[in-house]
Amino acid sequence: MTLTRAQMDRKIDEHFGFERRDDVEAVLATLTPDVEHDVVGWPTGPVSGAPAAKNFYEQLMAAFVNEEMAPVRTLYGDDSA
C-alpha cells in the first residue's frame, strides 16, 4: 500500500504521540510486521521484525522519561511506504 505524503505525516504524528504516552503496543500498531528499525547511535544497532521493535521501544521508553521530541525534517522517496 502506498501512502500519500499527508497520510505518512499523519502516521508519523500518531506514532510520536504514542511514544510520548509510552504506549508500546500502539506504537507497534503504526509499524509493519516486517519493520526494519534503525536508530543511529542506538547500542544494539538496527533491528528487524515486530518482536525486536517491541524490545527496542520498551528500552527506549524506560531510558527516556519525560523527554520531548519533534520532527525537524521529513524526507520522502519513491520507495517509501
Protein backbone atom coordinates (compact mmCIF):
# COMPACT_ATOMS: atom_id res chain seq x y z
CA MET A 1 0.00 0.00 0.00
CA THR A 2 1.38 3.38 -0.97
CA LEU A 3 0.70 6.31 1.33
CA THR A 4 0.48 9.92 0.28
CA ARG A 5 2.78 12.40 1.98
CA ALA A 6 -0.17 13.71 4.03
CA GLN A 7 -1.09 10.17 5.13
CA MET A 8 2.54 9.46 6.06
CA ASP A 9 2.74 12.72 8.02
CA ARG A 10 -0.42 11.77 9.96
CA LYS A 11 1.00 8.30 10.68
CA ILE A 12 4.27 9.81 11.95
CA ASP A 13 2.38 12.27 14.18
CA GLU A 14 0.29 9.38 15.53
CA HIS A 15 3.42 7.29 16.12
CA PHE A 16 5.18 10.07 18.06
CA GLY A 17 2.02 10.69 20.09
CA PHE A 18 2.02 7.05 21.20
CA GLU A 19 5.73 7.31 22.04
CA ARG A 20 5.04 10.37 24.23
CA ARG A 21 2.39 8.35 26.09
CA ASP A 22 4.75 5.36 26.46
CA ASP A 23 2.21 3.13 24.70
CA VAL A 24 4.38 0.39 23.19
CA GLU A 25 1.51 -1.62 21.71
CA ALA A 26 0.05 1.43 19.97
CA VAL A 27 3.49 2.38 18.63
CA LEU A 28 3.88 -1.12 17.20
CA ALA A 29 0.47 -0.81 15.53
CA THR A 30 1.89 2.07 13.45
CA LEU A 31 4.61 -0.21 12.04
CA THR A 32 4.53 -3.08 9.56
CA PRO A 33 5.19 -6.58 10.97
CA ASP A 34 8.43 -6.76 8.98
CA VAL A 35 9.70 -3.41 10.26
CA GLU A 36 13.42 -2.66 10.00
CA HIS A 37 14.20 -0.20 12.76
CA ASP A 38 17.49 1.66 12.70
CA VAL A 39 18.16 4.49 15.13
CA VAL A 40 21.61 5.91 14.55
CA GLY A 41 23.72 5.51 17.67
CA TRP A 42 21.44 3.02 19.42
CA PRO A 43 23.77 0.49 21.13
CA THR A 44 22.18 -2.65 19.65
CA GLY A 45 22.21 -1.34 16.10
CA PRO A 46 19.38 -2.00 13.62
CA VAL A 47 16.65 -4.50 14.48
CA SER A 48 14.19 -6.37 12.27
CA GLY A 49 10.66 -7.54 12.96
CA ALA A 50 7.95 -6.57 15.41
CA PRO A 51 9.33 -8.52 18.43
CA ALA A 52 12.70 -6.78 18.12
CA ALA A 53 11.00 -3.41 17.63
CA LYS A 54 8.93 -4.05 20.76
CA ASN A 55 12.10 -4.70 22.75
CA PHE A 56 13.62 -1.51 21.31
CA TYR A 57 10.62 0.61 22.33
CA GLU A 58 10.49 -0.91 25.82
CA GLN A 59 14.15 0.02 26.30
CA LEU A 60 13.66 3.45 24.75
CA MET A 61 10.71 4.32 26.96
CA ALA A 62 12.49 3.13 30.09
CA ALA A 63 15.59 5.19 29.24
CA PHE A 64 13.93 8.44 28.22
CA VAL A 65 11.42 9.60 30.79
CA ASN A 66 9.68 12.95 30.16
CA GLU A 67 11.69 13.66 27.02
CA GLU A 68 10.29 15.78 24.20
CA MET A 69 10.69 15.14 20.51
CA ALA A 70 9.58 16.91 17.37
CA PRO A 71 10.29 16.18 13.74
CA VAL A 72 12.52 18.82 12.19
CA ARG A 73 12.61 17.48 8.64
CA THR A 74 10.80 14.84 6.61
CA LEU A 75 12.43 13.07 3.69
CA TYR A 76 10.18 11.39 1.14
CA GLY A 77 11.24 8.92 -1.52
CA ASP A 78 9.66 6.82 -4.22
CA ASP A 79 10.39 3.63 -2.26
CA SER A 80 8.92 4.97 0.99
CA ALA A 81 5.62 3.49 2.08
